[in-house]
C-alpha atoms as a PDB file:
ATOM      1  CA  MET A   1     -13.617 168.787 -22.346  1.00  0.00           C
ATOM      2  CA  PRO A   2     -13.622 172.434 -21.245  1.00  0.00           C
ATOM      3  CA  LYS A   3     -16.038 173.072 -18.406  1.00  0.00           C
ATOM      4  CA  ASN A   4     -17.957 175.740 -20.345  1.00  0.00           C
ATOM      5  CA  LEU A   5     -18.544 173.448 -23.328  1.00  0.00           C
ATOM      6  CA  ASN A   6     -21.723 171.428 -23.381  1.00  0.00           C
ATOM      7  CA  ILE A   7     -22.470 170.593 -26.982  1.00  0.00           C
ATOM      8  CA  MET A   8     -25.598 168.584 -26.269  1.00  0.00           C
ATOM      9  CA  ALA A   9     -27.243 171.155 -23.994  1.00  0.00           C
ATOM     10  CA  THR A  10     -27.425 173.990 -26.484  1.00  0.00           C
ATOM     11  CA  SER A  11     -30.563 174.353 -28.553  1.00  0.00           C
ATOM     12  CA  GLU A  12     -29.336 177.456 -30.365  1.00  0.00           C
ATOM     13  CA  LYS A  13     -27.590 177.276 -33.676  1.00  0.00           C
ATOM     14  CA  LYS A  14     -24.658 179.297 -32.404  1.00  0.00           C
ATOM     15  CA  CYS A  15     -21.301 177.583 -32.129  1.00  0.00           C
ATOM     16  CA  PRO A  16     -21.589 175.446 -28.961  1.00  0.00           C
ATOM     17  CA  ALA A  17     -17.914 175.970 -28.256  1.00  0.00           C
ATOM     18  CA  LEU A  18     -18.605 179.718 -28.291  1.00  0.00           C
ATOM     19  CA  SER A  19     -15.333 180.114 -30.098  1.00  0.00           C
ATOM     20  CA  TYR A  20     -16.820 181.822 -33.146  1.00  0.00           C
ATOM     21  CA  LYS A  21     -19.976 183.909 -33.426  1.00  0.00           C
ATOM     22  CA  ILE A  22     -21.419 181.924 -36.305  1.00  0.00           C
ATOM     23  CA  SER A  23     -24.456 179.844 -37.011  1.00  0.00           C
ATOM     24  CA  CYS A  24     -23.351 176.254 -36.445  1.00  0.00           C
ATOM     25  CA  HIS A  25     -25.445 173.099 -36.593  1.00  0.00           C
ATOM     26  CA  GLU A  26     -22.444 170.963 -37.546  1.00  0.00           C
ATOM     27  CA  CYS A  27     -21.178 170.563 -33.961  1.00  0.00           C
ATOM     28  CA  LEU A  28     -24.554 169.251 -32.847  1.00  0.00           C
ATOM     29  CA  GLN A  29     -24.677 166.712 -35.665  1.00  0.00           C
ATOM     30  CA  VAL A  30     -21.085 165.599 -35.057  1.00  0.00           C
ATOM     31  CA  ASN A  31     -21.875 165.106 -31.371  1.00  0.00           C
ATOM     32  CA  SER A  32     -24.758 162.782 -32.275  1.00  0.00           C
ATOM     33  CA  GLU A  33     -22.773 160.801 -34.888  1.00  0.00           C
ATOM     34  CA  TRP A  34     -19.357 160.560 -33.211  1.00  0.00           C
ATOM     35  CA  HIS A  35     -18.023 159.504 -29.794  1.00  0.00           C
ATOM     36  CA  LEU A  36     -16.882 163.081 -29.311  1.00  0.00           C
ATOM     37  CA  ASP A  37     -16.310 162.936 -25.542  1.00  0.00           C
ATOM     38  CA  ARG A  38     -14.011 159.921 -25.905  1.00  0.00           C
ATOM     39  CA  LEU A  39     -12.166 161.487 -28.839  1.00  0.00           C
ATOM     40  CA  LEU A  40     -11.690 164.759 -26.927  1.00  0.00           C
ATOM     41  CA  LYS A  41     -10.306 162.856 -23.909  1.00  0.00           C
ATOM     42  CA  ASP A  42      -7.901 160.884 -26.112  1.00  0.00           C
ATOM     43  CA  LEU A  43      -6.770 164.016 -27.952  1.00  0.00           C
ATOM     44  CA  ALA A  44      -6.260 165.825 -24.614  1.00  0.00           C
ATOM     45  CA  LYS A  45      -4.018 163.010 -23.384  1.00  0.00           C
ATOM     46  CA  VAL A  46      -2.012 163.016 -26.610  1.00  0.00           C
ATOM     47  CA  LYS A  47      -1.757 166.817 -26.507  1.00  0.00           C
ATOM     48  CA  ALA A  48      -0.183 166.605 -23.029  1.00  0.00           C
ATOM     49  CA  GLU A  49       2.301 163.976 -24.238  1.00  0.00           C
ATOM     50  CA  GLN A  50       3.191 166.078 -27.277  1.00  0.00           C
ATOM     51  CA  ASP A  51       3.541 169.306 -25.270  1.00  0.00           C
ATOM     52  CA  PHE A  52       5.796 167.510 -22.775  1.00  0.00           C
ATOM     53  CA  GLU A  53       8.023 166.179 -25.568  1.00  0.00           C
ATOM     54  CA  ASP A  54       8.122 169.602 -27.234  1.00  0.00           C
ATOM     55  CA  GLY A  55       9.179 171.225 -23.955  1.00  0.00           C
ATOM     56  CA  LYS A  56       6.036 173.362 -23.718  1.00  0.00           C
ATOM     57  CA  ILE A  57       5.259 171.956 -20.267  1.00  0.00           C
ATOM     58  CA  ARG A  58       7.625 170.746 -17.550  1.00  0.00           C
ATOM     59  CA  ASP A  59       5.485 168.049 -15.994  1.00  0.00           C
ATOM     60  CA  LYS A  60       3.618 165.396 -17.889  1.00  0.00           C
ATOM     61  CA  LEU A  61      -0.020 166.106 -17.082  1.00  0.00           C
ATOM     62  CA  GLU A  62      -2.939 163.730 -17.150  1.00  0.00           C
ATOM     63  CA  ALA A  63      -4.508 165.659 -19.999  1.00  0.00           C
ATOM     64  CA  ARG A  64      -4.402 169.064 -21.671  1.00  0.00           C
ATOM     65  CA  GLU A  65      -7.783 170.024 -23.034  1.00  0.00           C
ATOM     66  CA  LEU A  66      -8.141 171.246 -26.578  1.00  0.00           C
ATOM     67  CA  SER A  67      -8.937 174.919 -26.966  1.00  0.00           C
ATOM     68  CA  VAL A  68     -12.479 175.873 -27.926  1.00  0.00           C
ATOM     69  CA  HIS A  69     -11.138 176.836 -31.357  1.00  0.00           C
ATOM     70  CA  GLN A  70      -9.553 173.397 -31.786  1.00  0.00           C
ATOM     71  CA  ILE A  71     -12.833 171.741 -30.769  1.00  0.00           C
ATOM     72  CA  CYS A  72     -14.656 173.812 -33.374  1.00  0.00           C
ATOM     73  CA  TRP A  73     -12.123 172.817 -36.060  1.00  0.00           C
ATOM     74  CA  LEU A  74     -12.410 169.175 -34.967  1.00  0.00           C
ATOM     75  CA  CYS A  75     -16.199 169.188 -35.310  1.00  0.00           C
ATOM     76  CA  LEU A  76     -16.072 170.801 -38.736  1.00  0.00           C
ATOM     77  CA  LEU A  77     -13.437 168.293 -39.923  1.00  0.00           C
ATOM     78  CA  LEU A  78     -15.501 165.365 -38.643  1.00  0.00           C
ATOM     79  CA  PHE A  79     -18.564 166.862 -40.319  1.00  0.00           C
ATOM     80  CA  GLY A  80     -16.649 166.636 -43.596  1.00  0.00           C
ATOM     81  CA  PHE A  81     -15.557 170.218 -44.231  1.00  0.00           C
ATOM     82  CA  SER A  82     -12.301 170.733 -46.097  1.00  0.00           C
ATOM     83  CA  VAL A  83      -9.712 173.086 -44.631  1.00  0.00           C
ATOM     84  CA  GLU A  84     -10.705 175.683 -47.226  1.00  0.00           C
ATOM     85  CA  GLU A  85     -14.391 175.360 -46.304  1.00  0.00           C
ATOM     86  CA  ILE A  86     -13.573 175.801 -42.615  1.00  0.00           C
ATOM     87  CA  GLU A  87     -11.489 178.884 -43.401  1.00  0.00           C
ATOM     88  CA  ALA A  88     -14.397 180.349 -45.374  1.00  0.00           C
ATOM     89  CA  LYS A  89     -16.994 179.512 -42.709  1.00  0.00           C
ATOM     90  CA  LEU A  90     -14.899 180.960 -39.881  1.00  0.00           C
ATOM     91  CA  LYS A  91     -13.496 183.817 -41.967  1.00  0.00           C
ATOM     92  CA  ARG A  92     -10.025 182.676 -40.993  1.00  0.00           C
ATOM     93  CA  ARG A  93      -6.765 182.316 -42.894  1.00  0.00           C
ATOM     94  CA  LYS A  94      -3.841 179.907 -42.701  1.00  0.00           C
ATOM     95  CA  LEU A  95      -5.771 177.259 -40.781  1.00  0.00           C
ATOM     96  CA  ARG A  96      -3.841 174.436 -42.455  1.00  0.00           C
ATOM     97  CA  ALA A  97      -0.666 175.364 -40.541  1.00  0.00           C
ATOM     98  CA  ASP A  98      -2.545 175.410 -37.225  1.00  0.00           C
ATOM     99  CA  LEU A  99      -4.155 172.044 -37.979  1.00  0.00           C
ATOM    100  CA  SER A 100      -0.791 170.530 -38.904  1.00  0.00           C
ATOM    101  CA  ARG A 101       0.703 171.685 -35.590  1.00  0.00           C
ATOM    102  CA  THR A 102      -2.259 170.578 -33.499  1.00  0.00           C
ATOM    103  CA  LEU A 103      -5.108 168.250 -34.478  1.00  0.00           C
ATOM    104  CA  PHE A 104      -3.318 166.474 -37.319  1.00  0.00           C
ATOM    105  CA  LYS A 105      -0.214 165.969 -35.169  1.00  0.00           C
ATOM    106  CA  TYR A 106      -2.213 164.672 -32.196  1.00  0.00           C
ATOM    107  CA  SER A 107      -4.291 162.350 -34.345  1.00  0.00           C
ATOM    108  CA  GLU A 108      -1.148 160.864 -35.910  1.00  0.00           C
ATOM    109  CA  ARG A 109      -0.210 159.643 -32.436  1.00  0.00           C
ATOM    110  CA  ILE A 110      -3.641 158.057 -32.003  1.00  0.00           C
ATOM    111  CA  THR A 111      -3.849 156.443 -35.442  1.00  0.00           C
ATOM    112  CA  GLY A 112      -0.187 155.688 -36.084  1.00  0.00           C
ATOM    113  CA  LYS A 113      -0.698 157.142 -39.566  1.00  0.00           C
ATOM    114  CA  LYS A 114       0.589 160.328 -41.173  1.00  0.00           C
ATOM    115  CA  ILE A 115      -2.289 162.767 -41.662  1.00  0.00           C
ATOM    116  CA  ASN A 116      -1.762 164.764 -44.843  1.00  0.00           C
ATOM    117  CA  ASN A 117      -5.225 166.201 -45.386  1.00  0.00           C
ATOM    118  CA  TRP A 118      -8.684 166.677 -43.927  1.00  0.00           C
ATOM    119  CA  ALA A 119     -10.175 163.639 -45.700  1.00  0.00           C
ATOM    120  CA  GLN A 120      -7.576 161.327 -44.161  1.00  0.00           C
ATOM    121  CA  PHE A 121      -8.247 162.858 -40.752  1.00  0.00           C
ATOM    122  CA  LYS A 122     -11.931 161.951 -40.861  1.00  0.00           C
ATOM    123  CA  LEU A 123     -11.270 158.506 -42.341  1.00  0.00           C
ATOM    124  CA  TYR A 124      -8.641 157.553 -39.757  1.00  0.00           C
ATOM    125  CA  MET A 125     -10.754 158.801 -36.839  1.00  0.00           C
ATOM    126  CA  GLU A 126     -13.584 156.659 -38.160  1.00  0.00           C
ATOM    127  CA  ARG A 127     -11.320 153.637 -38.540  1.00  0.00           C
ATOM    128  CA  CYS A 128     -10.188 154.072 -34.934  1.00  0.00           C
ATOM    129  CA  GLY A 129     -13.795 153.607 -33.834  1.00  0.00           C
ATOM    130  CA  TYR A 130     -14.730 157.164 -32.929  1.00  0.00           C
ATOM    131  CA  ARG A 131     -17.771 157.213 -35.215  1.00  0.00           C
ATOM    132  CA  LYS A 132     -20.984 155.757 -33.824  1.00  0.00           C
ATOM    133  CA  GLY A 133     -22.614 152.932 -35.753  1.00  0.00           C
ATOM    134  CA  ARG A 134     -21.083 151.413 -38.846  1.00  0.00           C
ATOM    135  CA  SER A 135     -17.672 152.621 -39.883  1.00  0.00           C
ATOM    136  CA  MET A 136     -16.464 153.053 -43.445  1.00  0.00           C
ATOM    137  CA  GLU A 137     -14.480 149.828 -43.107  1.00  0.00           C
ATOM    138  CA  GLU A 138     -17.764 147.945 -42.769  1.00  0.00           C
ATOM    139  CA  GLU A 139     -19.398 149.588 -45.778  1.00  0.00           C
ATOM    140  CA  VAL A 140     -20.066 147.349 -48.770  1.00  0.00           C
ATOM    141  CA  LEU A 141     -20.018 149.011 -52.156  1.00  0.00           C
ATOM    142  CA  GLU A 142     -22.054 147.333 -54.887  1.00  0.00           C
ATOM    143  CA  ILE A 143     -21.630 148.493 -58.477  1.00  0.00           C
ATOM    144  CA  ASN A 144     -23.770 147.536 -61.473  1.00  0.00           C
ATOM    145  CA  LEU A 145     -21.411 147.366 -64.413  1.00  0.00           C
ATOM    146  CA  SER A 146     -22.486 147.111 -68.053  1.00  0.00           C
ATOM    147  CA  LEU A 147     -19.951 145.582 -70.407  1.00  0.00           C
ATOM    148  CA  LYS A 148     -19.846 145.808 -74.183  1.00  0.00           C
ATOM    149  CA  ILE A 149     -18.585 142.549 -75.610  1.00  0.00           C
ATOM    150  CA  PRO A 150     -17.919 141.938 -79.317  1.00  0.00           C
ATOM    151  CA  LYS A 151     -20.774 140.191 -81.175  1.00  0.00           C
ATOM    152  CA  ASN A 152     -18.729 137.104 -81.963  1.00  0.00           C
ATOM    153  CA  SER A 153     -18.315 136.206 -78.269  1.00  0.00           C
ATOM    154  CA  SER A 154     -20.860 135.212 -75.668  1.00  0.00           C
ATOM    155  CA  THR A 155     -22.573 138.246 -74.156  1.00  0.00           C
ATOM    156  CA  TYR A 156     -23.876 139.278 -70.785  1.00  0.00           C
ATOM    157  CA  ASP A 157     -26.101 142.335 -70.554  1.00  0.00           C
ATOM    158  CA  SER A 158     -24.962 143.191 -67.046  1.00  0.00           C
ATOM    159  CA  MET A 159     -23.248 141.658 -64.078  1.00  0.00           C
ATOM    160  CA  LEU A 160     -22.866 142.502 -60.386  1.00  0.00           C
ATOM    161  CA  VAL A 161     -19.329 143.268 -59.262  1.00  0.00           C
ATOM    162  CA  LYS A 162     -18.413 143.616 -55.583  1.00  0.00           C
ATOM    163  CA  VAL A 163     -15.372 145.783 -54.949  1.00  0.00           C
ATOM    164  CA  ASN A 164     -13.429 146.185 -51.702  1.00  0.00           C
ATOM    165  CA  LEU A 165     -11.636 149.522 -51.631  1.00  0.00           C
ATOM    166  CA  ALA A 166      -8.776 150.515 -49.369  1.00  0.00           C
ATOM    167  CA  LEU A 167      -8.610 154.269 -48.961  1.00  0.00           C
ATOM    168  CA  ASP A 168      -5.147 154.520 -47.437  1.00  0.00           C
END
């Protein structure tokens, strides 16, 4: 994590990463709901591996920290913002290309899954155990379902159906 970044210490609603001059409570909430320090360390390690393979660095380093902009994007993605919502909030264009080259690429190495969009990014990070508390895999979805059955057959007014969903 960059030395000048201390997400928990800031009480202001400015972007804790100081990468954008915007009002930002999302980073604070993400820091309380996600294992952000661990995720940032893992992403930094993967970034170094990727940069070494791409020839951007000559020596394989222990870690290469994410930029403050990348940390901001990460927090907004984990908060649940779409790429378009992040672009609007930050008044930025063509973020999707930057995410594909950076965060999505790094997270593919962590998850072993192809990241095609922002929703998959958040889901896969959660499945890898970066979210504090219960993950989506542990969620149970209960649905009350009313069925209309023809009069000549036996009827049930309602029944409880439990559904396990895979969101791959």
